[in-house]
Amino acid sequence: MTDKPSLRPRTSDPPLIPAADRYLLRLYVSGGTERSTRAIENLRHVCERHLDGRYDLEVIDIYQHPEAARAAQIVAAPTLVKATPAPLRRIIGDLSDQHKVLHALNLTSLPTPPDVIG
């Protein structure tokens, strides 16, 4: 009698995530400046906390790869580009406003601001 292979995935196998559900993020930085370092740390924190392995992050130094910055039409650094899933989004700055970053990544919605009484 032969053993039949198990149809259940092994617990050691990582879960397969459809490409459509993965985030492709490109963070354009300007060397090792304080703002660039802070942007990298802030983005990694958001990704680890909210994307749980569903992302690919490329950090691109515009000083080392100016052609990549030109091709992506980057005019300021740091700049985060969410290439996928659509729609494409850009965020400029050190990404310290986590609420705005989550909104730009379509991970939450911004509440409607209260009416201003004047």
N, C-alpha and C. Protein backbone atom coordinates (compact mmCIF):
# COMPACT_ATOMS: atom_id res chain seq x y z
N MET A 1 0.85 -1.18 0.00
CA MET A 1 0.00 0.00 0.00
C MET A 1 0.89 1.24 0.00
N THR A 2 0.59 2.22 -0.86
CA THR A 2 1.40 3.44 -0.95
C THR A 2 0.72 4.56 -0.20
N ASP A 3 1.54 5.42 0.36
CA ASP A 3 1.01 6.58 1.06
C ASP A 3 0.60 7.64 0.05
N LYS A 4 -0.57 8.23 0.25
CA LYS A 4 -1.01 9.32 -0.62
C LYS A 4 -0.46 10.63 -0.06
N PRO A 5 -0.01 11.54 -0.93
CA PRO A 5 0.49 12.82 -0.43
C PRO A 5 -0.64 13.62 0.19
N SER A 6 -0.29 14.34 1.22
CA SER A 6 -1.28 15.17 1.90
C SER A 6 -1.63 16.38 1.03
N LEU A 7 -2.89 16.71 0.97
CA LEU A 7 -3.33 17.88 0.22
C LEU A 7 -3.29 19.14 1.06
N ARG A 8 -3.06 18.99 2.35
CA ARG A 8 -2.96 20.15 3.22
C ARG A 8 -1.58 20.75 3.11
N PRO A 9 -1.47 22.10 3.11
CA PRO A 9 -0.14 22.70 3.05
C PRO A 9 0.62 22.43 4.33
N ARG A 10 1.91 22.31 4.19
CA ARG A 10 2.76 22.14 5.36
C ARG A 10 2.74 23.44 6.15
N THR A 11 2.83 23.35 7.46
CA THR A 11 2.78 24.55 8.28
C THR A 11 4.01 25.41 8.08
N SER A 12 5.09 24.84 7.57
CA SER A 12 6.30 25.63 7.36
C SER A 12 6.24 26.43 6.05
N ASP A 13 5.32 26.10 5.16
CA ASP A 13 5.21 26.82 3.90
C ASP A 13 4.59 28.19 4.14
N PRO A 14 5.19 29.27 3.57
CA PRO A 14 4.57 30.59 3.72
C PRO A 14 3.28 30.64 2.92
N PRO A 15 2.30 31.39 3.40
CA PRO A 15 1.06 31.48 2.65
C PRO A 15 1.30 32.20 1.33
N LEU A 16 0.64 31.73 0.29
CA LEU A 16 0.74 32.38 -1.01
C LEU A 16 -0.20 33.58 -1.04
N ILE A 17 0.33 34.70 -1.42
CA ILE A 17 -0.47 35.93 -1.47
C ILE A 17 -0.61 36.31 -2.93
N PRO A 18 -1.84 36.42 -3.44
CA PRO A 18 -2.03 36.80 -4.84
C PRO A 18 -1.34 38.13 -5.12
N ALA A 19 -0.74 38.24 -6.31
CA ALA A 19 -0.02 39.46 -6.68
C ALA A 19 -0.91 40.70 -6.58
N ALA A 20 -2.19 40.55 -6.86
CA ALA A 20 -3.10 41.70 -6.82
C ALA A 20 -3.28 42.23 -5.40
N ASP A 21 -3.01 41.40 -4.40
CA ASP A 21 -3.17 41.83 -3.00
C ASP A 21 -1.87 42.34 -2.39
N ARG A 22 -0.79 42.28 -3.14
CA ARG A 22 0.51 42.75 -2.64
C ARG A 22 0.70 44.22 -2.99
N TYR A 23 1.39 44.91 -2.11
CA TYR A 23 1.72 46.31 -2.32
C TYR A 23 3.14 46.40 -2.85
N LEU A 24 3.33 47.16 -3.92
CA LEU A 24 4.66 47.48 -4.40
C LEU A 24 4.91 48.93 -4.05
N LEU A 25 5.85 49.15 -3.14
CA LEU A 25 6.15 50.49 -2.62
C LEU A 25 7.58 50.84 -2.98
N ARG A 26 7.76 52.07 -3.48
CA ARG A 26 9.09 52.58 -3.77
C ARG A 26 9.28 53.86 -2.97
N LEU A 27 10.30 53.87 -2.14
CA LEU A 27 10.60 55.04 -1.32
C LEU A 27 11.88 55.67 -1.86
N TYR A 28 11.75 56.86 -2.40
CA TYR A 28 12.89 57.61 -2.93
C TYR A 28 13.42 58.49 -1.81
N VAL A 29 14.71 58.32 -1.49
CA VAL A 29 15.34 59.06 -0.39
C VAL A 29 16.56 59.81 -0.92
N SER A 30 17.02 60.77 -0.13
CA SER A 30 18.21 61.55 -0.51
C SER A 30 19.34 61.23 0.46
N GLY A 31 20.04 60.15 0.18
CA GLY A 31 21.17 59.75 1.01
C GLY A 31 20.73 59.34 2.41
N GLY A 32 21.62 59.59 3.36
CA GLY A 32 21.35 59.22 4.75
C GLY A 32 20.90 60.37 5.60
N THR A 33 20.15 61.30 5.01
CA THR A 33 19.68 62.45 5.77
C THR A 33 18.72 62.01 6.87
N GLU A 34 18.54 62.89 7.84
CA GLU A 34 17.64 62.59 8.95
C GLU A 34 16.21 62.33 8.46
N ARG A 35 15.74 63.16 7.54
CA ARG A 35 14.37 62.97 7.01
C ARG A 35 14.24 61.64 6.28
N SER A 36 15.24 61.28 5.50
CA SER A 36 15.20 60.01 4.77
C SER A 36 15.20 58.83 5.73
N THR A 37 16.06 58.89 6.73
CA THR A 37 16.12 57.82 7.73
C THR A 37 14.79 57.69 8.46
N ARG A 38 14.21 58.83 8.82
CA ARG A 38 12.92 58.82 9.52
C ARG A 38 11.82 58.26 8.62
N ALA A 39 11.84 58.60 7.32
CA ALA A 39 10.84 58.08 6.38
C ALA A 39 10.94 56.56 6.27
N ILE A 40 12.16 56.04 6.20
CA ILE A 40 12.35 54.58 6.11
C ILE A 40 11.80 53.91 7.37
N GLU A 41 12.14 54.44 8.53
CA GLU A 41 11.67 53.86 9.78
C GLU A 41 10.15 53.92 9.89
N ASN A 42 9.57 55.07 9.54
CA ASN A 42 8.11 55.22 9.63
C ASN A 42 7.40 54.27 8.67
N LEU A 43 7.91 54.14 7.46
CA LEU A 43 7.27 53.26 6.48
C LEU A 43 7.40 51.80 6.89
N ARG A 44 8.55 51.41 7.37
CA ARG A 44 8.71 50.01 7.81
C ARG A 44 7.76 49.69 8.96
N HIS A 45 7.57 50.63 9.85
CA HIS A 45 6.64 50.44 10.97
C HIS A 45 5.21 50.23 10.44
N VAL A 46 4.78 51.07 9.52
CA VAL A 46 3.44 50.95 8.94
C VAL A 46 3.29 49.62 8.22
N CYS A 47 4.29 49.25 7.42
CA CYS A 47 4.20 48.00 6.66
C CYS A 47 4.14 46.78 7.58
N GLU A 48 4.99 46.75 8.59
CA GLU A 48 5.00 45.61 9.51
C GLU A 48 3.71 45.50 10.29
N ARG A 49 3.15 46.64 10.63
CA ARG A 49 1.94 46.64 11.45
C ARG A 49 0.66 46.41 10.65
N HIS A 50 0.59 46.95 9.43
CA HIS A 50 -0.67 46.94 8.69
C HIS A 50 -0.68 46.08 7.43
N LEU A 51 0.48 45.72 6.90
CA LEU A 51 0.50 44.95 5.65
C LEU A 51 0.92 43.50 5.85
N ASP A 52 1.47 43.16 6.99
CA ASP A 52 1.72 41.78 7.39
C ASP A 52 2.28 40.91 6.25
N GLY A 53 3.41 41.34 5.69
CA GLY A 53 4.05 40.53 4.66
C GLY A 53 3.47 40.67 3.27
N ARG A 54 2.49 41.53 3.09
CA ARG A 54 1.84 41.69 1.78
C ARG A 54 2.44 42.87 1.01
N TYR A 55 3.74 43.06 1.10
CA TYR A 55 4.34 44.20 0.42
C TYR A 55 5.75 43.89 -0.03
N ASP A 56 6.17 44.63 -1.05
CA ASP A 56 7.56 44.65 -1.49
C ASP A 56 7.99 46.10 -1.40
N LEU A 57 9.07 46.36 -0.72
CA LEU A 57 9.55 47.72 -0.51
C LEU A 57 10.91 47.89 -1.16
N GLU A 58 11.01 48.90 -2.02
CA GLU A 58 12.28 49.27 -2.64
C GLU A 58 12.65 50.65 -2.13
N VAL A 59 13.83 50.77 -1.55
CA VAL A 59 14.34 52.07 -1.11
C VAL A 59 15.37 52.49 -2.14
N ILE A 60 15.14 53.64 -2.77
CA ILE A 60 15.98 54.11 -3.87
C ILE A 60 16.61 55.44 -3.48
N ASP A 61 17.93 55.47 -3.44
CA ASP A 61 18.67 56.69 -3.12
C ASP A 61 18.82 57.49 -4.41
N ILE A 62 18.23 58.68 -4.44
CA ILE A 62 18.24 59.48 -5.67
C ILE A 62 19.65 59.98 -6.01
N TYR A 63 20.57 60.02 -5.05
CA TYR A 63 21.95 60.40 -5.35
C TYR A 63 22.68 59.27 -6.07
N GLN A 64 22.39 58.04 -5.70
CA GLN A 64 23.04 56.89 -6.32
C GLN A 64 22.35 56.47 -7.61
N HIS A 65 21.05 56.77 -7.72
CA HIS A 65 20.27 56.35 -8.90
C HIS A 65 19.43 57.51 -9.42
N PRO A 66 20.08 58.58 -9.91
CA PRO A 66 19.32 59.74 -10.38
C PRO A 66 18.43 59.42 -11.58
N GLU A 67 18.83 58.42 -12.38
CA GLU A 67 18.02 58.05 -13.55
C GLU A 67 16.68 57.47 -13.11
N ALA A 68 16.65 56.75 -12.00
CA ALA A 68 15.39 56.19 -11.48
C ALA A 68 14.47 57.31 -11.00
N ALA A 69 15.06 58.32 -10.36
CA ALA A 69 14.27 59.46 -9.89
C ALA A 69 13.69 60.23 -11.08
N ARG A 70 14.49 60.42 -12.13
CA ARG A 70 14.00 61.11 -13.33
C ARG A 70 12.87 60.32 -13.98
N ALA A 71 13.07 59.03 -14.11
CA ALA A 71 12.06 58.18 -14.77
C ALA A 71 10.74 58.20 -14.01
N ALA A 72 10.81 58.28 -12.68
CA ALA A 72 9.60 58.28 -11.86
C ALA A 72 9.08 59.70 -11.61
N GLN A 73 9.76 60.70 -12.19
CA GLN A 73 9.38 62.11 -12.04
C GLN A 73 9.35 62.54 -10.58
N ILE A 74 10.38 62.16 -9.84
CA ILE A 74 10.50 62.53 -8.43
C ILE A 74 11.11 63.92 -8.35
N VAL A 75 10.43 64.84 -7.67
CA VAL A 75 10.91 66.22 -7.56
C VAL A 75 11.32 66.58 -6.14
N ALA A 76 11.03 65.71 -5.18
CA ALA A 76 11.39 65.96 -3.78
C ALA A 76 11.65 64.62 -3.12
N ALA A 77 12.48 64.68 -2.08
CA ALA A 77 12.75 63.44 -1.34
C ALA A 77 12.70 63.76 0.15
N PRO A 78 12.19 62.84 0.93
CA PRO A 78 11.70 61.51 0.55
C PRO A 78 10.31 61.57 -0.10
N THR A 79 10.11 60.66 -1.04
CA THR A 79 8.82 60.48 -1.70
C THR A 79 8.50 59.00 -1.74
N LEU A 80 7.30 58.65 -1.28
CA LEU A 80 6.81 57.28 -1.36
C LEU A 80 5.89 57.16 -2.56
N VAL A 81 6.13 56.14 -3.39
CA VAL A 81 5.26 55.85 -4.53
C VAL A 81 4.64 54.48 -4.29
N LYS A 82 3.30 54.45 -4.24
CA LYS A 82 2.58 53.17 -4.15
C LYS A 82 2.23 52.80 -5.58
N ALA A 83 3.00 51.86 -6.15
CA ALA A 83 2.79 51.46 -7.54
C ALA A 83 1.60 50.52 -7.69
N THR A 84 1.48 49.56 -6.79
CA THR A 84 0.34 48.65 -6.80
C THR A 84 -0.08 48.40 -5.37
N PRO A 85 -1.33 48.12 -5.14
CA PRO A 85 -2.44 48.07 -6.09
C PRO A 85 -2.85 49.48 -6.54
N ALA A 86 -3.53 49.53 -7.68
CA ALA A 86 -4.00 50.81 -8.22
C ALA A 86 -4.99 51.43 -7.25
N PRO A 87 -5.09 52.72 -7.23
CA PRO A 87 -4.43 53.72 -8.07
C PRO A 87 -3.04 54.05 -7.52
N LEU A 88 -2.18 54.53 -8.44
CA LEU A 88 -0.85 54.96 -8.05
C LEU A 88 -0.99 56.16 -7.12
N ARG A 89 -0.21 56.19 -6.07
CA ARG A 89 -0.24 57.30 -5.11
C ARG A 89 1.18 57.73 -4.80
N ARG A 90 1.35 59.03 -4.50
CA ARG A 90 2.64 59.59 -4.08
C ARG A 90 2.45 60.34 -2.78
N ILE A 91 3.40 60.18 -1.88
CA ILE A 91 3.39 60.91 -0.61
C ILE A 91 4.78 61.50 -0.44
N ILE A 92 4.83 62.79 -0.23
CA ILE A 92 6.11 63.47 -0.04
C ILE A 92 6.28 63.78 1.44
N GLY A 93 7.47 63.53 1.96
CA GLY A 93 7.77 63.85 3.36
C GLY A 93 8.30 62.65 4.11
N ASP A 94 8.45 62.83 5.43
CA ASP A 94 9.06 61.77 6.24
C ASP A 94 8.07 60.71 6.72
N LEU A 95 6.82 60.80 6.27
CA LEU A 95 5.78 59.79 6.56
C LEU A 95 5.46 59.69 8.05
N SER A 96 5.66 60.79 8.78
CA SER A 96 5.40 60.78 10.22
C SER A 96 3.92 60.87 10.55
N ASP A 97 3.09 61.33 9.61
CA ASP A 97 1.65 61.38 9.84
C ASP A 97 1.07 60.04 9.41
N GLN A 98 1.04 59.11 10.34
CA GLN A 98 0.63 57.73 10.04
C GLN A 98 -0.78 57.67 9.46
N HIS A 99 -1.67 58.51 9.94
CA HIS A 99 -3.05 58.51 9.45
C HIS A 99 -3.10 58.83 7.95
N LYS A 100 -2.33 59.82 7.52
CA LYS A 100 -2.29 60.17 6.09
C LYS A 100 -1.64 59.07 5.27
N VAL A 101 -0.62 58.43 5.81
CA VAL A 101 0.05 57.34 5.10
C VAL A 101 -0.93 56.17 4.92
N LEU A 102 -1.64 55.82 5.96
CA LEU A 102 -2.62 54.73 5.87
C LEU A 102 -3.71 55.05 4.86
N HIS A 103 -4.15 56.30 4.83
CA HIS A 103 -5.17 56.71 3.87
C HIS A 103 -4.64 56.61 2.44
N ALA A 104 -3.42 57.08 2.23
CA ALA A 104 -2.83 57.03 0.89
C ALA A 104 -2.63 55.59 0.41
N LEU A 105 -2.41 54.68 1.34
CA LEU A 105 -2.24 53.27 1.00
C LEU A 105 -3.58 52.53 0.93
N ASN A 106 -4.67 53.26 1.09
CA ASN A 106 -6.02 52.68 1.09
C ASN A 106 -6.20 51.66 2.20
N LEU A 107 -5.58 51.90 3.35
CA LEU A 107 -5.72 51.01 4.49
C LEU A 107 -6.69 51.54 5.51
N THR A 108 -7.16 52.76 5.33
CA THR A 108 -8.16 53.37 6.19
C THR A 108 -8.74 54.55 5.45
N SER A 109 -9.83 55.06 5.93
CA SER A 109 -10.40 56.25 5.31
C SER A 109 -10.33 57.40 6.30
N LEU A 110 -10.10 58.58 5.77
CA LEU A 110 -10.07 59.76 6.61
C LEU A 110 -11.49 60.14 7.00
N PRO A 111 -11.71 60.49 8.25
CA PRO A 111 -13.05 60.93 8.63
C PRO A 111 -13.37 62.26 8.00
N THR A 112 -14.66 62.50 7.82
CA THR A 112 -15.09 63.77 7.28
C THR A 112 -14.81 64.85 8.31
N PRO A 113 -14.12 65.94 7.90
CA PRO A 113 -13.82 66.97 8.88
C PRO A 113 -15.10 67.64 9.36
N PRO A 114 -15.10 68.08 10.64
CA PRO A 114 -16.29 68.74 11.16
C PRO A 114 -16.51 70.08 10.48
N ASP A 115 -17.75 70.51 10.43
CA ASP A 115 -18.05 71.81 9.85
C ASP A 115 -17.40 72.91 10.66
N VAL A 116 -16.88 73.87 9.96
CA VAL A 116 -16.25 75.00 10.63
C VAL A 116 -17.32 76.06 10.86
N ILE A 117 -17.43 76.47 12.11
CA ILE A 117 -18.41 77.51 12.45
C ILE A 117 -17.65 78.82 12.49
N GLY A 118 -18.08 79.75 11.68
CA GLY A 118 -17.33 81.00 11.57
C GLY A 118 -18.06 82.19 11.98
